Amino acid sequence: MKISNIKDVDKFFQVIDSCKGRVELVTGEGDRLNLKSKLSQYVSLANIFSNGGIPELELVAHEKEDVDRLMNFMINS
């Protein structure tokens, strides 16, 4: 799933942390990074945060309830 225009980065990571299963960020090279890992959150996205928001991400959530949680975040943010 693609998520775009994330303005509230803290809330985004709260949603990621509340997910039950694995949530992965797909990089431009096709690598998958586990966003449930704090190290991955900080290291892999540090350059995106430099402008204060996240323009677009491709995520893979492995549990349906996590997909629903992320969709709800996108709709209500």
PDB file of N, CA and C in Angstrom:
ATOM      1  N   MET A   1       0.845  -1.158   0.000  1.00  0.00           N
ATOM      2  CA  MET A   1       0.000   0.000   0.000  1.00  0.00           C
ATOM      3  C   MET A   1       0.888   1.218   0.000  1.00  0.00           C
ATOM      4  N   LYS A   2       0.454   2.249  -0.710  1.00  0.00           N
ATOM      5  CA  LYS A   2       1.193   3.511  -0.721  1.00  0.00           C
ATOM      6  C   LYS A   2       0.495   4.488   0.204  1.00  0.00           C
ATOM      7  N   ILE A   3       1.284   5.149   1.010  1.00  0.00           N
ATOM      8  CA  ILE A   3       0.792   6.175   1.926  1.00  0.00           C
ATOM      9  C   ILE A   3       1.510   7.457   1.553  1.00  0.00           C
ATOM     10  N   SER A   4       0.761   8.541   1.474  1.00  0.00           N
ATOM     11  CA  SER A   4       1.389   9.796   1.069  1.00  0.00           C
ATOM     12  C   SER A   4       0.997  10.938   1.995  1.00  0.00           C
ATOM     13  N   ASN A   5       1.809  11.986   1.941  1.00  0.00           N
ATOM     14  CA  ASN A   5       1.575  13.238   2.663  1.00  0.00           C
ATOM     15  C   ASN A   5       1.370  13.045   4.162  1.00  0.00           C
ATOM     16  N   ILE A   6       2.269  12.340   4.790  1.00  0.00           N
ATOM     17  CA  ILE A   6       2.208  12.160   6.238  1.00  0.00           C
ATOM     18  C   ILE A   6       2.769  13.417   6.889  1.00  0.00           C
ATOM     19  N   LYS A   7       1.918  14.123   7.580  1.00  0.00           N
ATOM     20  CA  LYS A   7       2.329  15.364   8.241  1.00  0.00           C
ATOM     21  C   LYS A   7       2.701  15.138   9.707  1.00  0.00           C
ATOM     22  N   ASP A   8       1.973  14.253  10.376  1.00  0.00           N
ATOM     23  CA  ASP A   8       2.207  13.987  11.794  1.00  0.00           C
ATOM     24  C   ASP A   8       3.012  12.689  11.925  1.00  0.00           C
ATOM     25  N   VAL A   9       4.329  12.836  11.885  1.00  0.00           N
ATOM     26  CA  VAL A   9       5.226  11.684  11.906  1.00  0.00           C
ATOM     27  C   VAL A   9       5.109  10.922  13.220  1.00  0.00           C
ATOM     28  N   ASP A  10       4.968  11.639  14.335  1.00  0.00           N
ATOM     29  CA  ASP A  10       4.834  10.973  15.638  1.00  0.00           C
ATOM     30  C   ASP A  10       3.597  10.081  15.663  1.00  0.00           C
ATOM     31  N   LYS A  11       2.475  10.592  15.195  1.00  0.00           N
ATOM     32  CA  LYS A  11       1.232   9.810  15.157  1.00  0.00           C
ATOM     33  C   LYS A  11       1.386   8.612  14.227  1.00  0.00           C
ATOM     34  N   PHE A  12       2.066   8.810  13.092  1.00  0.00           N
ATOM     35  CA  PHE A  12       2.299   7.713  12.155  1.00  0.00           C
ATOM     36  C   PHE A  12       3.030   6.567  12.847  1.00  0.00           C
ATOM     37  N   PHE A  13       4.093   6.884  13.591  1.00  0.00           N
ATOM     38  CA  PHE A  13       4.845   5.826  14.266  1.00  0.00           C
ATOM     39  C   PHE A  13       4.083   5.246  15.449  1.00  0.00           C
ATOM     40  N   GLN A  14       3.185   6.003  16.057  1.00  0.00           N
ATOM     41  CA  GLN A  14       2.314   5.432  17.082  1.00  0.00           C
ATOM     42  C   GLN A  14       1.416   4.367  16.465  1.00  0.00           C
ATOM     43  N   VAL A  15       0.905   4.645  15.278  1.00  0.00           N
ATOM     44  CA  VAL A  15       0.068   3.666  14.573  1.00  0.00           C
ATOM     45  C   VAL A  15       0.901   2.437  14.220  1.00  0.00           C
ATOM     46  N   ILE A  16       2.105   2.650  13.687  1.00  0.00           N
ATOM     47  CA  ILE A  16       2.993   1.517  13.360  1.00  0.00           C
ATOM     48  C   ILE A  16       3.264   0.678  14.612  1.00  0.00           C
ATOM     49  N   ASP A  17       3.570   1.337  15.722  1.00  0.00           N
ATOM     50  CA  ASP A  17       3.869   0.615  16.964  1.00  0.00           C
ATOM     51  C   ASP A  17       2.670  -0.173  17.484  1.00  0.00           C
ATOM     52  N   SER A  18       1.459   0.294  17.177  1.00  0.00           N
ATOM     53  CA  SER A  18       0.258  -0.396  17.648  1.00  0.00           C
ATOM     54  C   SER A  18      -0.121  -1.587  16.771  1.00  0.00           C
ATOM     55  N   CYS A  19       0.526  -1.737  15.640  1.00  0.00           N
ATOM     56  CA  CYS A  19       0.218  -2.868  14.750  1.00  0.00           C
ATOM     57  C   CYS A  19       0.648  -4.179  15.398  1.00  0.00           C
ATOM     58  N   LYS A  20      -0.127  -5.215  15.160  1.00  0.00           N
ATOM     59  CA  LYS A  20       0.145  -6.529  15.757  1.00  0.00           C
ATOM     60  C   LYS A  20       1.215  -7.299  15.005  1.00  0.00           C
ATOM     61  N   GLY A  21       1.203  -7.197  13.683  1.00  0.00           N
ATOM     62  CA  GLY A  21       2.141  -7.957  12.860  1.00  0.00           C
ATOM     63  C   GLY A  21       3.258  -7.098  12.317  1.00  0.00           C
ATOM     64  N   ARG A  22       3.967  -7.660  11.390  1.00  0.00           N
ATOM     65  CA  ARG A  22       5.108  -6.991  10.768  1.00  0.00           C
ATOM     66  C   ARG A  22       4.611  -5.926   9.787  1.00  0.00           C
ATOM     67  N   VAL A  23       5.239  -4.760   9.839  1.00  0.00           N
ATOM     68  CA  VAL A  23       4.970  -3.682   8.889  1.00  0.00           C
ATOM     69  C   VAL A  23       6.319  -3.302   8.285  1.00  0.00           C
ATOM     70  N   GLU A  24       6.392  -3.368   6.957  1.00  0.00           N
ATOM     71  CA  GLU A  24       7.665  -3.142   6.291  1.00  0.00           C
ATOM     72  C   GLU A  24       7.591  -1.938   5.355  1.00  0.00           C
ATOM     73  N   LEU A  25       8.686  -1.214   5.302  1.00  0.00           N
ATOM     74  CA  LEU A  25       8.867  -0.134   4.345  1.00  0.00           C
ATOM     75  C   LEU A  25       9.586  -0.729   3.147  1.00  0.00           C
ATOM     76  N   VAL A  26       9.045  -0.509   1.953  1.00  0.00           N
ATOM     77  CA  VAL A  26       9.691  -0.975   0.727  1.00  0.00           C
ATOM     78  C   VAL A  26      10.498   0.195   0.173  1.00  0.00           C
ATOM     79  N   THR A  27      11.805   0.007   0.062  1.00  0.00           N
ATOM     80  CA  THR A  27      12.670   1.072  -0.433  1.00  0.00           C
ATOM     81  C   THR A  27      12.596   1.140  -1.951  1.00  0.00           C
ATOM     82  N   GLY A  28      13.163   2.183  -2.513  1.00  0.00           N
ATOM     83  CA  GLY A  28      13.213   2.336  -3.963  1.00  0.00           C
ATOM     84  C   GLY A  28      13.967   1.210  -4.646  1.00  0.00           C
ATOM     85  N   GLU A  29      14.862   0.570  -3.920  1.00  0.00           N
ATOM     86  CA  GLU A  29      15.631  -0.553  -4.468  1.00  0.00           C
ATOM     87  C   GLU A  29      14.924  -1.891  -4.278  1.00  0.00           C
ATOM     88  N   GLY A  30      13.766  -1.872  -3.618  1.00  0.00           N
ATOM     89  CA  GLY A  30      13.014  -3.100  -3.398  1.00  0.00           C
ATOM     90  C   GLY A  30      13.305  -3.799  -2.083  1.00  0.00           C
ATOM     91  N   ASP A  31      14.205  -3.232  -1.282  1.00  0.00           N
ATOM     92  CA  ASP A  31      14.489  -3.813   0.031  1.00  0.00           C
ATOM     93  C   ASP A  31      13.305  -3.570   0.950  1.00  0.00           C
ATOM     94  N   ARG A  32      13.129  -4.436   1.928  1.00  0.00           N
ATOM     95  CA  ARG A  32      12.067  -4.288   2.915  1.00  0.00           C
ATOM     96  C   ARG A  32      12.677  -4.111   4.290  1.00  0.00           C
ATOM     97  N   LEU A  33      12.293  -3.000   4.930  1.00  0.00           N
ATOM     98  CA  LEU A  33      12.804  -2.695   6.263  1.00  0.00           C
ATOM     99  C   LEU A  33      11.672  -2.779   7.271  1.00  0.00           C
ATOM    100  N   ASN A  34      11.922  -3.458   8.383  1.00  0.00           N
ATOM    101  CA  ASN A  34      10.922  -3.646   9.420  1.00  0.00           C
ATOM    102  C   ASN A  34      10.702  -2.342  10.185  1.00  0.00           C
ATOM    103  N   LEU A  35       9.539  -1.705  10.000  1.00  0.00           N
ATOM    104  CA  LEU A  35       9.258  -0.442  10.679  1.00  0.00           C
ATOM    105  C   LEU A  35       8.883  -0.611  12.140  1.00  0.00           C
ATOM    106  N   LYS A  36       8.698  -1.833  12.596  1.00  0.00           N
ATOM    107  CA  LYS A  36       8.455  -2.047  14.020  1.00  0.00           C
ATOM    108  C   LYS A  36       9.755  -1.890  14.810  1.00  0.00           C
ATOM    109  N   SER A  37      10.868  -1.918  14.124  1.00  0.00           N
ATOM    110  CA  SER A  37      12.175  -1.718  14.748  1.00  0.00           C
ATOM    111  C   SER A  37      12.445  -0.224  14.872  1.00  0.00           C
ATOM    112  N   LYS A  38      12.714   0.248  16.072  1.00  0.00           N
ATOM    113  CA  LYS A  38      13.024   1.660  16.279  1.00  0.00           C
ATOM    114  C   LYS A  38      14.269   2.064  15.503  1.00  0.00           C
ATOM    115  N   LEU A  39      15.255   1.187  15.434  1.00  0.00           N
ATOM    116  CA  LEU A  39      16.464   1.490  14.687  1.00  0.00           C
ATOM    117  C   LEU A  39      16.139   1.717  13.217  1.00  0.00           C
ATOM    118  N   SER A  40      15.317   0.857  12.648  1.00  0.00           N
ATOM    119  CA  SER A  40      14.919   1.032  11.246  1.00  0.00           C
ATOM    120  C   SER A  40      14.137   2.319  11.054  1.00  0.00           C
ATOM    121  N   GLN A  41      13.272   2.649  12.001  1.00  0.00           N
ATOM    122  CA  GLN A  41      12.497   3.883  11.905  1.00  0.00           C
ATOM    123  C   GLN A  41      13.422   5.078  11.807  1.00  0.00           C
ATOM    124  N   TYR A  42      14.394   5.156  12.693  1.00  0.00           N
ATOM    125  CA  TYR A  42      15.270   6.321  12.741  1.00  0.00           C
ATOM    126  C   TYR A  42      16.284   6.342  11.605  1.00  0.00           C
ATOM    127  N   VAL A  43      16.904   5.217  11.335  1.00  0.00           N
ATOM    128  CA  VAL A  43      17.971   5.186  10.342  1.00  0.00           C
ATOM    129  C   VAL A  43      17.422   5.289   8.919  1.00  0.00           C
ATOM    130  N   SER A  44      16.429   4.491   8.595  1.00  0.00           N
ATOM    131  CA  SER A  44      15.959   4.431   7.213  1.00  0.00           C
ATOM    132  C   SER A  44      15.172   5.658   6.786  1.00  0.00           C
ATOM    133  N   LEU A  45      14.569   6.374   7.734  1.00  0.00           N
ATOM    134  CA  LEU A  45      13.728   7.511   7.376  1.00  0.00           C
ATOM    135  C   LEU A  45      14.317   8.864   7.761  1.00  0.00           C
ATOM    136  N   ALA A  46      15.532   8.888   8.271  1.00  0.00           N
ATOM    137  CA  ALA A  46      16.124  10.146   8.727  1.00  0.00           C
ATOM    138  C   ALA A  46      16.182  11.187   7.612  1.00  0.00           C
ATOM    139  N   ASN A  47      16.516  10.781   6.405  1.00  0.00           N
ATOM    140  CA  ASN A  47      16.605  11.749   5.315  1.00  0.00           C
ATOM    141  C   ASN A  47      15.226  12.254   4.894  1.00  0.00           C
ATOM    142  N   ILE A  48      14.190  11.469   5.038  1.00  0.00           N
ATOM    143  CA  ILE A  48      12.834  11.911   4.688  1.00  0.00           C
ATOM    144  C   ILE A  48      12.350  12.933   5.700  1.00  0.00           C
ATOM    145  N   PHE A  49      12.706  12.760   6.971  1.00  0.00           N
ATOM    146  CA  PHE A  49      12.238  13.665   8.026  1.00  0.00           C
ATOM    147  C   PHE A  49      12.851  15.049   7.933  1.00  0.00           C
ATOM    148  N   SER A  50      13.900  15.194   7.185  1.00  0.00           N
ATOM    149  CA  SER A  50      14.595  16.480   7.148  1.00  0.00           C
ATOM    150  C   SER A  50      13.692  17.627   6.699  1.00  0.00           C
ATOM    151  N   ASN A  51      12.621  17.336   5.951  1.00  0.00           N
ATOM    152  CA  ASN A  51      11.714  18.409   5.540  1.00  0.00           C
ATOM    153  C   ASN A  51      10.450  18.472   6.396  1.00  0.00           C
ATOM    154  N   GLY A  52      10.354  17.665   7.445  1.00  0.00           N
ATOM    155  CA  GLY A  52       9.245  17.749   8.384  1.00  0.00           C
ATOM    156  C   GLY A  52       8.033  16.902   8.042  1.00  0.00           C
ATOM    157  N   GLY A  53       8.011  16.244   6.930  1.00  0.00           N
ATOM    158  CA  GLY A  53       6.889  15.390   6.551  1.00  0.00           C
ATOM    159  C   GLY A  53       7.385  14.253   5.693  1.00  0.00           C
ATOM    160  N   ILE A  54       6.494  13.330   5.384  1.00  0.00           N
ATOM    161  CA  ILE A  54       6.845  12.197   4.537  1.00  0.00           C
ATOM    162  C   ILE A  54       5.971  12.276   3.295  1.00  0.00           C
ATOM    163  N   PRO A  55       6.552  12.526   2.126  1.00  0.00           N
ATOM    164  CA  PRO A  55       5.740  12.695   0.929  1.00  0.00           C
ATOM    165  C   PRO A  55       5.041  11.410   0.483  1.00  0.00           C
ATOM    166  N   GLU A  56       5.744  10.269   0.445  1.00  0.00           N
ATOM    167  CA  GLU A  56       5.124   9.019   0.031  1.00  0.00           C
ATOM    168  C   GLU A  56       5.969   7.842   0.495  1.00  0.00           C
ATOM    169  N   LEU A  57       5.284   6.801   0.953  1.00  0.00           N
ATOM    170  CA  LEU A  57       5.928   5.558   1.367  1.00  0.00           C
ATOM    171  C   LEU A  57       5.160   4.387   0.780  1.00  0.00           C
ATOM    172  N   GLU A  58       5.877   3.313   0.513  1.00  0.00           N
ATOM    173  CA  GLU A  58       5.209   2.061   0.188  1.00  0.00           C
ATOM    174  C   GLU A  58       5.410   1.132   1.372  1.00  0.00           C
ATOM    175  N   LEU A  59       4.289   0.676   1.929  1.00  0.00           N
ATOM    176  CA  LEU A  59       4.317  -0.192   3.097  1.00  0.00           C
ATOM    177  C   LEU A  59       3.694  -1.533   2.765  1.00  0.00           C
ATOM    178  N   VAL A  60       4.149  -2.555   3.470  1.00  0.00           N
ATOM    179  CA  VAL A  60       3.538  -3.876   3.425  1.00  0.00           C
ATOM    180  C   VAL A  60       3.179  -4.239   4.854  1.00  0.00           C
ATOM    181  N   ALA A  61       1.890  -4.410   5.106  1.00  0.00           N
ATOM    182  CA  ALA A  61       1.418  -4.867   6.415  1.00  0.00           C
ATOM    183  C   ALA A  61       0.918  -6.294   6.229  1.00  0.00           C
ATOM    184  N   HIS A  62       1.329  -7.185   7.107  1.00  0.00           N
ATOM    185  CA  HIS A  62       1.032  -8.605   6.935  1.00  0.00           C
ATOM    186  C   HIS A  62      -0.272  -9.046   7.581  1.00  0.00           C
ATOM    187  N   GLU A  63      -0.850  -8.227   8.437  1.00  0.00           N
ATOM    188  CA  GLU A  63      -2.105  -8.567   9.103  1.00  0.00           C
ATOM    189  C   GLU A  63      -3.223  -7.637   8.619  1.00  0.00           C
ATOM    190  N   LYS A  64      -4.405  -8.195   8.352  1.00  0.00           N
ATOM    191  CA  LYS A  64      -5.508  -7.391   7.854  1.00  0.00           C
ATOM    192  C   LYS A  64      -5.875  -6.267   8.823  1.00  0.00           C
ATOM    193  N   GLU A  65      -5.873  -6.551  10.110  1.00  0.00           N
ATOM    194  CA  GLU A  65      -6.222  -5.508  11.084  1.00  0.00           C
ATOM    195  C   GLU A  65      -5.199  -4.368  11.057  1.00  0.00           C
ATOM    196  N   ASP A  66      -3.962  -4.669  10.712  1.00  0.00           N
ATOM    197  CA  ASP A  66      -2.951  -3.618  10.597  1.00  0.00           C
ATOM    198  C   ASP A  66      -3.182  -2.771   9.344  1.00  0.00           C
ATOM    199  N   VAL A  67      -3.586  -3.422   8.258  1.00  0.00           N
ATOM    200  CA  VAL A  67      -3.937  -2.680   7.041  1.00  0.00           C
ATOM    201  C   VAL A  67      -5.089  -1.735   7.350  1.00  0.00           C
ATOM    202  N   ASP A  68      -6.099  -2.233   8.052  1.00  0.00           N
ATOM    203  CA  ASP A  68      -7.249  -1.401   8.432  1.00  0.00           C
ATOM    204  C   ASP A  68      -6.803  -0.233   9.313  1.00  0.00           C
ATOM    205  N   ARG A  69      -5.901  -0.492  10.243  1.00  0.00           N
ATOM    206  CA  ARG A  69      -5.403   0.548  11.150  1.00  0.00           C
ATOM    207  C   ARG A  69      -4.670   1.634  10.354  1.00  0.00           C
ATOM    208  N   LEU A  70      -3.844   1.224   9.414  1.00  0.00           N
ATOM    209  CA  LEU A  70      -3.115   2.188   8.592  1.00  0.00           C
ATOM    210  C   LEU A  70      -4.045   2.977   7.673  1.00  0.00           C
ATOM    211  N   MET A  71      -5.046   2.305   7.113  1.00  0.00           N
ATOM    212  CA  MET A  71      -6.036   2.992   6.264  1.00  0.00           C
ATOM    213  C   MET A  71      -6.802   4.026   7.091  1.00  0.00           C
ATOM    214  N   ASN A  72      -7.170   3.661   8.295  1.00  0.00           N
ATOM    215  CA  ASN A  72      -7.867   4.590   9.177  1.00  0.00           C
ATOM    216  C   ASN A  72      -7.006   5.825   9.478  1.00  0.00           C
ATOM    217  N   PHE A  73      -5.716   5.602   9.682  1.00  0.00           N
ATOM    218  CA  PHE A  73      -4.797   6.719   9.909  1.00  0.00           C
ATOM    219  C   PHE A  73      -4.773   7.640   8.697  1.00  0.00           C
ATOM    220  N   MET A  74      -4.701   7.058   7.489  1.00  0.00           N
ATOM    221  CA  MET A  74      -4.651   7.868   6.283  1.00  0.00           C
ATOM    222  C   MET A  74      -5.937   8.689   6.106  1.00  0.00           C
ATOM    223  N   ILE A  75      -7.048   8.081   6.377  1.00  0.00           N
ATOM    224  CA  ILE A  75      -8.347   8.753   6.199  1.00  0.00           C
ATOM    225  C   ILE A  75      -8.535   9.871   7.212  1.00  0.00           C
ATOM    226  N   ASN A  76      -8.139   9.627   8.452  1.00  0.00           N
ATOM    227  CA  ASN A  76      -8.408  10.579   9.531  1.00  0.00           C
ATOM    228  C   ASN A  76      -7.289  11.579   9.798  1.00  0.00           C
ATOM    229  N   SER A  77      -6.207  11.492   9.057  1.00  0.00           N
ATOM    230  CA  SER A  77      -5.077  12.414   9.291  1.00  0.00           C
ATOM    231  C   SER A  77      -5.151  13.611   8.401  1.00  0.00           C
TER     232      SER A  77
END
